[in-house]
Amino acid sequence: MSTDGTCWTVSVQGDSSRFIAVGSSRGRLQIRADELATRRVVAFSVSPDLARVAVVLQDRGDRVLAMLRIRPTTGGAPGVVVDGLREYHLQGSDSGLTLIDDVGWISATELMVVARATADSPGAPYQIALDGSDGMAVGPLSGVNIVSLSTLPRSDGINVLALTDGGQVLRFEDRYRWRTVADQVTGMGICI
C-alpha cells in the first residue's frame, strides 16, 4: 500500500514481472515497466513520495537490490511509467549484504533490507541510504534468522517489524535492539 492509498502488487511469471496497482477509487492504474519484462521481482517497496520503487531482483542464484523511478505517463490514458533501472552492488560495504531477501522504505531517503552473506547464512536487517551507500547492520546480533520485514516510513522515527524463520515478530526499537511482539506467526504487516 502506498502513501496515496494505492495498493501495489507484482505478478511474476517465469522470469517476467509486471506491477499491478489499484487506486483508492478501485480503478486499476496503468503501469508500464518494460525493464522488468525479463526480470524476476521477489520483493518491492514504493517510496513514500511515490517517486521511486525499490526492488529485489532474482538473477540466477543472486538476489540484488535495484531502484526504479516512477513517473506519470504523457498523453493517452492516465498511468505511470516505471523505468530507469539501477542495480546496487552492496557487498563492498558489508559481506552480509551479498543476497538481498526483502526491502522496505523507512524514510524518504533510507531503506531497510533483509540480507545474508550466503544462501545458508541467517538473514539480518541492514539500514541502507537511498543511493545504496552506508549499509549498516542494525541487528539482532545472533541466533535469529530474519526472513521478511514490514516498514512504515515516519518522520519521527523508524517503524519496522521483522519476521524470523521461527515465527517470531520483532519490533525495531534502536540499532541492535529489537523487542519480540508476537510468536508463532506466519505473516505480518503495519497498518497506517
N, C-alpha and C. Protein backbone atom coordinates (compact mmCIF):
# COMPACT_ATOMS: atom_id res chain seq x y z
N MET A 1 0.86 -1.16 0.00
CA MET A 1 0.00 0.00 0.00
C MET A 1 0.91 1.23 0.00
N SER A 2 0.68 2.13 -0.91
CA SER A 2 1.49 3.34 -0.99
C SER A 2 0.83 4.46 -0.17
N THR A 3 1.55 5.53 0.01
CA THR A 3 1.07 6.62 0.88
C THR A 3 -0.17 7.32 0.33
N ASP A 4 -0.48 7.15 -0.96
CA ASP A 4 -1.69 7.76 -1.51
C ASP A 4 -2.88 6.80 -1.48
N GLY A 5 -2.70 5.62 -0.87
CA GLY A 5 -3.79 4.66 -0.75
C GLY A 5 -3.86 3.66 -1.89
N THR A 6 -2.94 3.73 -2.84
CA THR A 6 -2.91 2.78 -3.95
C THR A 6 -2.31 1.46 -3.48
N CYS A 7 -2.95 0.38 -3.85
CA CYS A 7 -2.46 -0.96 -3.50
C CYS A 7 -1.64 -1.49 -4.67
N TRP A 8 -0.34 -1.71 -4.45
CA TRP A 8 0.57 -2.23 -5.47
C TRP A 8 0.82 -3.71 -5.22
N THR A 9 0.93 -4.48 -6.28
CA THR A 9 1.35 -5.87 -6.20
C THR A 9 2.18 -6.17 -7.44
N VAL A 10 2.83 -7.32 -7.44
CA VAL A 10 3.63 -7.70 -8.60
C VAL A 10 3.18 -9.08 -9.05
N SER A 11 3.07 -9.25 -10.35
CA SER A 11 2.75 -10.53 -10.96
C SER A 11 4.02 -11.06 -11.60
N VAL A 12 4.42 -12.27 -11.22
CA VAL A 12 5.65 -12.87 -11.75
C VAL A 12 5.28 -14.16 -12.47
N GLN A 13 5.72 -14.27 -13.72
CA GLN A 13 5.53 -15.49 -14.49
C GLN A 13 6.86 -15.83 -15.11
N GLY A 14 7.48 -16.91 -14.61
CA GLY A 14 8.82 -17.27 -15.06
C GLY A 14 9.80 -16.19 -14.64
N ASP A 15 10.51 -15.63 -15.61
CA ASP A 15 11.46 -14.55 -15.33
C ASP A 15 10.92 -13.20 -15.77
N SER A 16 9.62 -13.06 -15.85
CA SER A 16 8.99 -11.81 -16.24
C SER A 16 8.13 -11.28 -15.10
N SER A 17 8.23 -9.98 -14.84
CA SER A 17 7.46 -9.36 -13.76
C SER A 17 6.71 -8.16 -14.29
N ARG A 18 5.54 -7.91 -13.72
CA ARG A 18 4.81 -6.68 -14.04
C ARG A 18 4.08 -6.22 -12.79
N PHE A 19 4.04 -4.91 -12.61
CA PHE A 19 3.33 -4.33 -11.48
C PHE A 19 1.86 -4.18 -11.81
N ILE A 20 1.03 -4.36 -10.79
CA ILE A 20 -0.41 -4.12 -10.88
C ILE A 20 -0.74 -3.21 -9.70
N ALA A 21 -1.50 -2.16 -9.95
CA ALA A 21 -1.88 -1.23 -8.88
C ALA A 21 -3.35 -0.86 -9.02
N VAL A 22 -4.01 -0.80 -7.86
CA VAL A 22 -5.41 -0.41 -7.81
C VAL A 22 -5.51 0.80 -6.90
N GLY A 23 -6.08 1.89 -7.42
CA GLY A 23 -6.21 3.12 -6.66
C GLY A 23 -7.30 3.05 -5.61
N SER A 24 -7.36 4.07 -4.77
CA SER A 24 -8.36 4.11 -3.70
C SER A 24 -9.78 4.16 -4.26
N SER A 25 -9.95 4.59 -5.50
CA SER A 25 -11.27 4.59 -6.14
C SER A 25 -11.57 3.25 -6.80
N ARG A 26 -10.70 2.26 -6.56
CA ARG A 26 -10.81 0.89 -7.06
C ARG A 26 -10.56 0.76 -8.55
N GLY A 27 -10.08 1.84 -9.16
CA GLY A 27 -9.71 1.77 -10.57
C GLY A 27 -8.29 1.26 -10.71
N ARG A 28 -8.07 0.45 -11.72
CA ARG A 28 -6.73 -0.11 -11.96
C ARG A 28 -5.86 0.94 -12.64
N LEU A 29 -4.68 1.16 -12.10
CA LEU A 29 -3.72 2.12 -12.64
C LEU A 29 -2.88 1.44 -13.72
N GLN A 30 -2.76 2.07 -14.87
CA GLN A 30 -1.93 1.52 -15.94
C GLN A 30 -0.46 1.75 -15.59
N ILE A 31 0.31 0.67 -15.55
CA ILE A 31 1.73 0.76 -15.21
C ILE A 31 2.54 0.12 -16.33
N ARG A 32 3.47 0.88 -16.89
CA ARG A 32 4.38 0.35 -17.90
C ARG A 32 5.76 0.22 -17.27
N ALA A 33 6.26 -1.00 -17.21
CA ALA A 33 7.58 -1.27 -16.61
C ALA A 33 8.33 -2.24 -17.51
N ASP A 34 8.70 -1.76 -18.69
CA ASP A 34 9.32 -2.61 -19.71
C ASP A 34 10.61 -3.28 -19.23
N GLU A 35 11.37 -2.62 -18.37
CA GLU A 35 12.65 -3.19 -17.91
C GLU A 35 12.47 -4.41 -17.03
N LEU A 36 11.26 -4.65 -16.55
CA LEU A 36 11.00 -5.83 -15.72
C LEU A 36 10.48 -7.01 -16.52
N ALA A 37 10.29 -6.82 -17.83
CA ALA A 37 9.74 -7.88 -18.68
C ALA A 37 10.64 -9.12 -18.70
N THR A 38 11.92 -8.94 -18.43
CA THR A 38 12.85 -10.08 -18.41
C THR A 38 13.52 -10.23 -17.05
N ARG A 39 12.92 -9.67 -16.00
CA ARG A 39 13.49 -9.73 -14.65
C ARG A 39 12.46 -10.31 -13.69
N ARG A 40 12.94 -11.02 -12.68
CA ARG A 40 12.06 -11.62 -11.67
C ARG A 40 12.14 -10.80 -10.39
N VAL A 41 11.05 -10.13 -10.03
CA VAL A 41 10.96 -9.34 -8.81
C VAL A 41 10.50 -10.25 -7.67
N VAL A 42 11.29 -10.33 -6.59
CA VAL A 42 10.92 -11.17 -5.45
C VAL A 42 10.42 -10.34 -4.26
N ALA A 43 10.70 -9.03 -4.27
CA ALA A 43 10.21 -8.13 -3.22
C ALA A 43 10.29 -6.71 -3.77
N PHE A 44 9.43 -5.82 -3.25
CA PHE A 44 9.50 -4.43 -3.68
C PHE A 44 8.85 -3.54 -2.64
N SER A 45 9.14 -2.25 -2.73
CA SER A 45 8.54 -1.25 -1.84
C SER A 45 8.53 0.09 -2.57
N VAL A 46 7.36 0.75 -2.56
CA VAL A 46 7.20 2.05 -3.19
C VAL A 46 7.60 3.13 -2.19
N SER A 47 8.36 4.13 -2.65
CA SER A 47 8.84 5.19 -1.77
C SER A 47 7.68 6.04 -1.25
N PRO A 48 7.86 6.67 -0.08
CA PRO A 48 6.79 7.48 0.50
C PRO A 48 6.36 8.64 -0.40
N ASP A 49 7.28 9.17 -1.21
CA ASP A 49 6.93 10.29 -2.10
C ASP A 49 6.42 9.81 -3.46
N LEU A 50 6.28 8.49 -3.62
CA LEU A 50 5.75 7.87 -4.84
C LEU A 50 6.60 8.13 -6.07
N ALA A 51 7.87 8.48 -5.88
CA ALA A 51 8.76 8.79 -7.00
C ALA A 51 9.66 7.62 -7.39
N ARG A 52 9.81 6.63 -6.51
CA ARG A 52 10.72 5.51 -6.76
C ARG A 52 10.11 4.21 -6.24
N VAL A 53 10.62 3.12 -6.77
CA VAL A 53 10.28 1.81 -6.23
C VAL A 53 11.58 1.03 -6.09
N ALA A 54 11.82 0.52 -4.87
CA ALA A 54 12.97 -0.33 -4.61
C ALA A 54 12.52 -1.77 -4.87
N VAL A 55 13.35 -2.54 -5.57
CA VAL A 55 13.00 -3.92 -5.89
C VAL A 55 14.15 -4.85 -5.55
N VAL A 56 13.81 -6.08 -5.22
CA VAL A 56 14.80 -7.15 -5.09
C VAL A 56 14.61 -8.04 -6.31
N LEU A 57 15.66 -8.17 -7.11
CA LEU A 57 15.61 -8.95 -8.34
C LEU A 57 16.35 -10.27 -8.17
N GLN A 58 15.72 -11.34 -8.62
CA GLN A 58 16.36 -12.67 -8.63
C GLN A 58 17.00 -12.84 -9.99
N ASP A 59 18.30 -13.08 -10.01
CA ASP A 59 19.03 -13.28 -11.26
C ASP A 59 19.90 -14.51 -11.09
N ARG A 60 19.45 -15.62 -11.66
CA ARG A 60 20.07 -16.92 -11.42
C ARG A 60 20.10 -17.16 -9.91
N GLY A 61 21.25 -17.35 -9.29
CA GLY A 61 21.32 -17.58 -7.85
C GLY A 61 21.43 -16.32 -7.02
N ASP A 62 21.58 -15.17 -7.68
CA ASP A 62 21.77 -13.91 -6.95
C ASP A 62 20.44 -13.20 -6.72
N ARG A 63 20.39 -12.44 -5.64
CA ARG A 63 19.26 -11.55 -5.36
C ARG A 63 19.86 -10.19 -5.06
N VAL A 64 19.55 -9.21 -5.92
CA VAL A 64 20.16 -7.89 -5.80
C VAL A 64 19.11 -6.81 -5.58
N LEU A 65 19.53 -5.74 -4.92
CA LEU A 65 18.68 -4.58 -4.72
C LEU A 65 18.82 -3.67 -5.94
N ALA A 66 17.69 -3.14 -6.39
CA ALA A 66 17.70 -2.20 -7.52
C ALA A 66 16.65 -1.12 -7.26
N MET A 67 16.78 -0.03 -7.99
CA MET A 67 15.86 1.10 -7.85
C MET A 67 15.34 1.46 -9.24
N LEU A 68 14.07 1.82 -9.29
CA LEU A 68 13.44 2.34 -10.50
C LEU A 68 12.71 3.62 -10.14
N ARG A 69 12.56 4.52 -11.11
CA ARG A 69 11.80 5.74 -10.86
C ARG A 69 10.36 5.51 -11.33
N ILE A 70 9.45 6.27 -10.72
CA ILE A 70 8.04 6.24 -11.09
C ILE A 70 7.70 7.63 -11.61
N ARG A 71 7.14 7.69 -12.82
CA ARG A 71 6.77 8.99 -13.36
C ARG A 71 5.45 8.86 -14.12
N PRO A 72 4.68 9.92 -14.18
CA PRO A 72 3.39 9.86 -14.88
C PRO A 72 3.59 9.68 -16.39
N THR A 73 2.63 9.02 -17.01
CA THR A 73 2.67 8.89 -18.47
C THR A 73 2.30 10.23 -19.09
N THR A 74 2.73 10.42 -20.30
CA THR A 74 2.37 11.64 -21.03
C THR A 74 1.48 11.27 -22.20
N GLY A 75 0.36 11.97 -22.33
CA GLY A 75 -0.57 11.68 -23.41
C GLY A 75 -1.25 10.33 -23.21
N GLY A 76 -2.40 10.16 -23.76
CA GLY A 76 -3.11 8.88 -23.66
C GLY A 76 -3.72 8.66 -22.30
N ALA A 77 -3.90 7.40 -21.96
CA ALA A 77 -4.56 7.02 -20.71
C ALA A 77 -3.70 7.39 -19.51
N PRO A 78 -4.35 7.75 -18.39
CA PRO A 78 -3.57 8.06 -17.18
C PRO A 78 -2.88 6.80 -16.65
N GLY A 79 -1.71 6.99 -16.13
CA GLY A 79 -0.95 5.88 -15.59
C GLY A 79 0.45 6.33 -15.26
N VAL A 80 1.33 5.35 -15.01
CA VAL A 80 2.71 5.66 -14.70
C VAL A 80 3.66 4.77 -15.49
N VAL A 81 4.87 5.29 -15.65
CA VAL A 81 5.96 4.53 -16.24
C VAL A 81 6.96 4.26 -15.12
N VAL A 82 7.38 3.02 -15.00
CA VAL A 82 8.39 2.63 -14.02
C VAL A 82 9.62 2.24 -14.84
N ASP A 83 10.68 3.07 -14.74
CA ASP A 83 11.86 2.82 -15.57
C ASP A 83 13.12 3.34 -14.88
N GLY A 84 14.23 3.34 -15.62
CA GLY A 84 15.50 3.82 -15.07
C GLY A 84 16.14 2.84 -14.12
N LEU A 85 16.01 1.55 -14.39
CA LEU A 85 16.54 0.50 -13.51
C LEU A 85 18.02 0.72 -13.21
N ARG A 86 18.33 0.72 -11.91
CA ARG A 86 19.72 0.83 -11.46
C ARG A 86 19.96 -0.19 -10.36
N GLU A 87 20.86 -1.13 -10.61
CA GLU A 87 21.19 -2.14 -9.61
C GLU A 87 22.21 -1.59 -8.63
N TYR A 88 22.08 -1.97 -7.37
CA TYR A 88 23.04 -1.61 -6.33
C TYR A 88 23.86 -2.83 -5.98
N HIS A 89 25.15 -2.68 -5.99
CA HIS A 89 26.05 -3.77 -5.59
C HIS A 89 26.57 -3.42 -4.20
N LEU A 90 25.96 -4.02 -3.19
CA LEU A 90 26.17 -3.63 -1.80
C LEU A 90 27.26 -4.40 -1.09
N GLN A 91 27.80 -5.45 -1.68
CA GLN A 91 28.77 -6.30 -0.98
C GLN A 91 29.99 -5.54 -0.50
N GLY A 92 30.34 -4.43 -1.13
CA GLY A 92 31.53 -3.68 -0.74
C GLY A 92 31.41 -3.07 0.65
N SER A 93 30.18 -2.76 1.09
CA SER A 93 30.04 -2.13 2.39
C SER A 93 29.97 -3.14 3.54
N ASP A 94 29.55 -4.38 3.26
CA ASP A 94 29.45 -5.41 4.30
C ASP A 94 29.26 -6.75 3.61
N SER A 95 30.01 -7.78 4.02
CA SER A 95 29.89 -9.08 3.36
C SER A 95 28.53 -9.72 3.60
N GLY A 96 27.78 -9.27 4.61
CA GLY A 96 26.44 -9.79 4.88
C GLY A 96 25.41 -9.31 3.88
N LEU A 97 25.79 -8.37 3.01
CA LEU A 97 24.86 -7.81 2.04
C LEU A 97 24.98 -8.46 0.66
N THR A 98 25.34 -9.73 0.61
CA THR A 98 25.53 -10.41 -0.66
C THR A 98 24.21 -10.79 -1.32
N LEU A 99 23.29 -11.38 -0.56
CA LEU A 99 21.98 -11.78 -1.09
C LEU A 99 20.89 -10.98 -0.37
N ILE A 100 20.08 -10.27 -1.12
CA ILE A 100 19.02 -9.45 -0.54
C ILE A 100 17.71 -10.24 -0.61
N ASP A 101 16.98 -10.31 0.52
CA ASP A 101 15.72 -11.05 0.57
C ASP A 101 14.49 -10.15 0.55
N ASP A 102 14.56 -8.98 1.18
CA ASP A 102 13.39 -8.13 1.30
C ASP A 102 13.84 -6.68 1.42
N VAL A 103 12.92 -5.75 1.17
CA VAL A 103 13.24 -4.32 1.21
C VAL A 103 12.00 -3.54 1.63
N GLY A 104 12.24 -2.45 2.36
CA GLY A 104 11.16 -1.53 2.72
C GLY A 104 11.71 -0.15 3.00
N TRP A 105 10.92 0.87 2.71
CA TRP A 105 11.32 2.26 2.97
C TRP A 105 11.10 2.58 4.44
N ILE A 106 12.09 3.22 5.08
CA ILE A 106 11.92 3.67 6.46
C ILE A 106 11.87 5.18 6.56
N SER A 107 12.22 5.86 5.47
CA SER A 107 12.10 7.32 5.38
C SER A 107 12.15 7.67 3.89
N ALA A 108 12.10 8.94 3.58
CA ALA A 108 12.18 9.36 2.18
C ALA A 108 13.55 9.10 1.57
N THR A 109 14.57 8.89 2.41
CA THR A 109 15.93 8.72 1.91
C THR A 109 16.63 7.45 2.38
N GLU A 110 15.93 6.58 3.11
CA GLU A 110 16.58 5.37 3.63
C GLU A 110 15.69 4.15 3.49
N LEU A 111 16.36 3.01 3.32
CA LEU A 111 15.71 1.72 3.19
C LEU A 111 16.18 0.80 4.30
N MET A 112 15.36 -0.21 4.58
CA MET A 112 15.78 -1.33 5.42
C MET A 112 15.70 -2.56 4.52
N VAL A 113 16.75 -3.38 4.53
CA VAL A 113 16.74 -4.62 3.76
C VAL A 113 17.03 -5.80 4.69
N VAL A 114 16.56 -6.96 4.28
CA VAL A 114 16.97 -8.22 4.90
C VAL A 114 17.99 -8.81 3.94
N ALA A 115 19.17 -9.11 4.45
CA ALA A 115 20.25 -9.62 3.60
C ALA A 115 21.00 -10.73 4.32
N ARG A 116 21.76 -11.47 3.53
CA ARG A 116 22.57 -12.57 4.08
C ARG A 116 23.85 -12.70 3.26
N ALA A 117 24.86 -13.27 3.86
CA ALA A 117 26.15 -13.43 3.19
C ALA A 117 26.11 -14.56 2.16
N THR A 118 25.46 -15.68 2.50
CA THR A 118 25.33 -16.83 1.61
C THR A 118 23.91 -17.36 1.72
N ALA A 119 23.54 -18.26 0.84
CA ALA A 119 22.20 -18.84 0.89
C ALA A 119 21.94 -19.57 2.20
N ASP A 120 22.98 -20.09 2.85
CA ASP A 120 22.83 -20.86 4.09
C ASP A 120 22.99 -20.02 5.35
N SER A 121 23.41 -18.77 5.23
CA SER A 121 23.61 -17.96 6.44
C SER A 121 22.31 -17.27 6.84
N PRO A 122 22.21 -16.85 8.10
CA PRO A 122 20.97 -16.22 8.57
C PRO A 122 20.77 -14.83 7.97
N GLY A 123 19.51 -14.48 7.76
CA GLY A 123 19.17 -13.14 7.29
C GLY A 123 19.25 -12.15 8.43
N ALA A 124 19.67 -10.93 8.10
CA ALA A 124 19.79 -9.87 9.11
C ALA A 124 19.35 -8.54 8.49
N PRO A 125 18.84 -7.62 9.32
CA PRO A 125 18.41 -6.33 8.79
C PRO A 125 19.57 -5.34 8.67
N TYR A 126 19.53 -4.55 7.60
CA TYR A 126 20.53 -3.51 7.34
C TYR A 126 19.81 -2.23 6.94
N GLN A 127 20.34 -1.12 7.41
CA GLN A 127 19.84 0.19 7.02
C GLN A 127 20.71 0.69 5.86
N ILE A 128 20.07 1.12 4.77
CA ILE A 128 20.77 1.50 3.54
C ILE A 128 20.32 2.89 3.11
N ALA A 129 21.25 3.73 2.68
CA ALA A 129 20.90 5.04 2.14
C ALA A 129 20.27 4.87 0.76
N LEU A 130 19.51 5.86 0.33
CA LEU A 130 18.81 5.84 -0.94
C LEU A 130 19.70 5.51 -2.13
N ASP A 131 20.95 5.96 -2.09
CA ASP A 131 21.88 5.71 -3.21
C ASP A 131 22.61 4.36 -3.09
N GLY A 132 22.24 3.55 -2.10
CA GLY A 132 22.86 2.24 -1.92
C GLY A 132 24.11 2.26 -1.07
N SER A 133 24.48 3.42 -0.53
CA SER A 133 25.68 3.52 0.29
C SER A 133 25.33 3.31 1.76
N ASP A 134 26.37 3.28 2.56
CA ASP A 134 26.22 3.25 4.02
C ASP A 134 25.40 2.07 4.52
N GLY A 135 25.66 0.86 4.01
CA GLY A 135 25.00 -0.32 4.53
C GLY A 135 25.43 -0.57 5.96
N MET A 136 24.49 -0.47 6.90
CA MET A 136 24.81 -0.59 8.31
C MET A 136 23.92 -1.66 8.95
N ALA A 137 24.56 -2.67 9.54
CA ALA A 137 23.81 -3.71 10.25
C ALA A 137 23.11 -3.08 11.45
N VAL A 138 21.87 -3.48 11.66
CA VAL A 138 21.11 -2.94 12.80
C VAL A 138 20.59 -4.05 13.71
N GLY A 139 21.15 -5.26 13.59
CA GLY A 139 20.82 -6.35 14.49
C GLY A 139 19.52 -7.01 14.10
N PRO A 140 19.05 -7.95 14.91
CA PRO A 140 19.63 -8.61 16.08
C PRO A 140 20.96 -9.30 15.76
N LEU A 141 21.75 -9.50 16.79
CA LEU A 141 23.12 -9.95 16.58
C LEU A 141 23.28 -11.42 16.24
N SER A 142 22.63 -12.32 17.00
CA SER A 142 22.87 -13.74 16.75
C SER A 142 21.66 -14.58 17.13
N GLY A 143 21.64 -15.79 16.61
CA GLY A 143 20.60 -16.74 16.95
C GLY A 143 19.26 -16.47 16.30
N VAL A 144 19.20 -15.55 15.34
CA VAL A 144 17.94 -15.19 14.70
C VAL A 144 18.13 -15.17 13.19
N ASN A 145 17.17 -15.73 12.48
CA ASN A 145 17.20 -15.70 11.02
C ASN A 145 15.99 -14.89 10.55
N ILE A 146 16.22 -13.64 10.14
CA ILE A 146 15.15 -12.77 9.66
C ILE A 146 14.81 -13.18 8.22
N VAL A 147 13.52 -13.37 7.93
CA VAL A 147 13.12 -13.79 6.58
C VAL A 147 12.34 -12.70 5.83
N SER A 148 11.70 -11.79 6.56
CA SER A 148 10.99 -10.70 5.88
C SER A 148 10.81 -9.54 6.85
N LEU A 149 10.41 -8.40 6.27
CA LEU A 149 10.17 -7.23 7.11
C LEU A 149 8.97 -6.45 6.59
N SER A 150 8.45 -5.61 7.44
CA SER A 150 7.36 -4.71 7.10
C SER A 150 7.73 -3.34 7.66
N THR A 151 7.60 -2.31 6.82
CA THR A 151 8.03 -0.97 7.23
C THR A 151 6.90 0.03 7.04
N LEU A 152 6.97 1.10 7.79
CA LEU A 152 6.07 2.24 7.63
C LEU A 152 6.90 3.50 7.86
N PRO A 153 7.19 4.24 6.79
CA PRO A 153 8.01 5.45 6.94
C PRO A 153 7.30 6.47 7.83
N ARG A 154 8.06 7.04 8.76
CA ARG A 154 7.55 8.08 9.66
C ARG A 154 8.58 9.17 9.78
N SER A 155 8.12 10.38 10.05
CA SER A 155 9.06 11.48 10.23
C SER A 155 9.68 11.48 11.62
N ASP A 156 9.06 10.78 12.57
CA ASP A 156 9.54 10.81 13.96
C ASP A 156 10.29 9.56 14.38
N GLY A 157 10.71 8.73 13.44
CA GLY A 157 11.48 7.56 13.82
C GLY A 157 11.32 6.43 12.83
N ILE A 158 11.92 5.31 13.13
CA ILE A 158 11.91 4.14 12.25
C ILE A 158 10.85 3.17 12.76
N ASN A 159 9.97 2.73 11.88
CA ASN A 159 8.91 1.81 12.21
C ASN A 159 9.08 0.54 11.38
N VAL A 160 9.64 -0.51 11.99
CA VAL A 160 9.94 -1.75 11.28
C VAL A 160 9.55 -2.95 12.13
N LEU A 161 8.93 -3.94 11.48
CA LEU A 161 8.71 -5.25 12.06
C LEU A 161 9.52 -6.25 11.25
N ALA A 162 10.09 -7.25 11.90
CA ALA A 162 10.84 -8.30 11.22
C ALA A 162 10.28 -9.65 11.63
N LEU A 163 10.14 -10.55 10.67
CA LEU A 163 9.65 -11.90 10.91
C LEU A 163 10.81 -12.87 10.83
N THR A 164 10.94 -13.75 11.83
CA THR A 164 12.00 -14.76 11.83
C THR A 164 11.48 -16.06 11.23
N ASP A 165 12.41 -16.94 10.87
CA ASP A 165 12.01 -18.24 10.34
C ASP A 165 11.31 -19.09 11.40
N GLY A 166 11.45 -18.75 12.67
CA GLY A 166 10.78 -19.46 13.75
C GLY A 166 9.41 -18.87 14.11
N GLY A 167 8.95 -17.87 13.36
CA GLY A 167 7.63 -17.31 13.59
C GLY A 167 7.56 -16.20 14.62
N GLN A 168 8.70 -15.65 15.01
CA GLN A 168 8.72 -14.52 15.93
C GLN A 168 8.60 -13.22 15.15
N VAL A 169 7.83 -12.27 15.68
CA VAL A 169 7.80 -10.93 15.12
C VAL A 169 8.57 -10.02 16.07
N LEU A 170 9.59 -9.33 15.52
CA LEU A 170 10.43 -8.43 16.30
C LEU A 170 10.16 -7.01 15.85
N ARG A 171 10.08 -6.09 16.82
CA ARG A 171 9.88 -4.68 16.51
C ARG A 171 11.17 -3.91 16.76
N PHE A 172 11.57 -3.11 15.77
CA PHE A 172 12.79 -2.31 15.88
C PHE A 172 12.57 -1.19 16.91
N GLU A 173 13.51 -1.10 17.88
CA GLU A 173 13.47 -0.01 18.85
C GLU A 173 14.68 0.91 18.70
N ASP A 174 15.82 0.32 18.37
CA ASP A 174 17.05 1.07 18.15
C ASP A 174 18.06 0.10 17.55
N ARG A 175 19.18 0.62 17.06
CA ARG A 175 20.19 -0.24 16.47
C ARG A 175 20.56 -1.36 17.44
N TYR A 176 20.45 -2.58 16.98
CA TYR A 176 20.70 -3.81 17.75
C TYR A 176 19.72 -4.04 18.88
N ARG A 177 18.63 -3.29 18.94
CA ARG A 177 17.62 -3.51 19.99
C ARG A 177 16.27 -3.76 19.32
N TRP A 178 15.83 -5.00 19.38
CA TRP A 178 14.57 -5.43 18.81
C TRP A 178 13.78 -6.13 19.91
N ARG A 179 12.52 -5.84 20.02
CA ARG A 179 11.66 -6.43 21.05
C ARG A 179 10.70 -7.42 20.40
N THR A 180 10.56 -8.61 20.98
CA THR A 180 9.60 -9.60 20.48
C THR A 180 8.19 -9.12 20.80
N VAL A 181 7.34 -9.06 19.78
CA VAL A 181 5.96 -8.60 19.98
C VAL A 181 4.94 -9.71 19.69
N ALA A 182 5.37 -10.80 19.05
CA ALA A 182 4.46 -11.93 18.77
C ALA A 182 5.28 -13.17 18.48
N ASP A 183 4.66 -14.33 18.73
CA ASP A 183 5.26 -15.63 18.43
C ASP A 183 4.30 -16.45 17.59
N GLN A 184 4.82 -17.48 16.95
CA GLN A 184 4.03 -18.43 16.15
C GLN A 184 3.22 -17.72 15.07
N VAL A 185 3.90 -16.84 14.33
CA VAL A 185 3.28 -16.03 13.29
C VAL A 185 3.82 -16.46 11.93
N THR A 186 2.98 -16.38 10.90
CA THR A 186 3.42 -16.72 9.55
C THR A 186 3.46 -15.51 8.62
N GLY A 187 2.86 -14.41 9.01
CA GLY A 187 2.86 -13.19 8.21
C GLY A 187 2.62 -11.99 9.10
N MET A 188 2.88 -10.80 8.60
CA MET A 188 2.72 -9.59 9.40
C MET A 188 2.59 -8.38 8.50
N GLY A 189 2.19 -7.27 9.07
CA GLY A 189 2.11 -6.01 8.34
C GLY A 189 1.92 -4.88 9.33
N ILE A 190 2.17 -3.67 8.87
CA ILE A 190 1.98 -2.48 9.70
C ILE A 190 0.84 -1.68 9.10
N CYS A 191 -0.12 -1.33 9.92
CA CYS A 191 -1.27 -0.55 9.44
C CYS A 191 -1.04 0.93 9.72
N ILE A 192 -1.59 1.73 8.83
CA ILE A 192 -1.49 3.19 9.00
C ILE A 192 -2.47 3.65 10.06
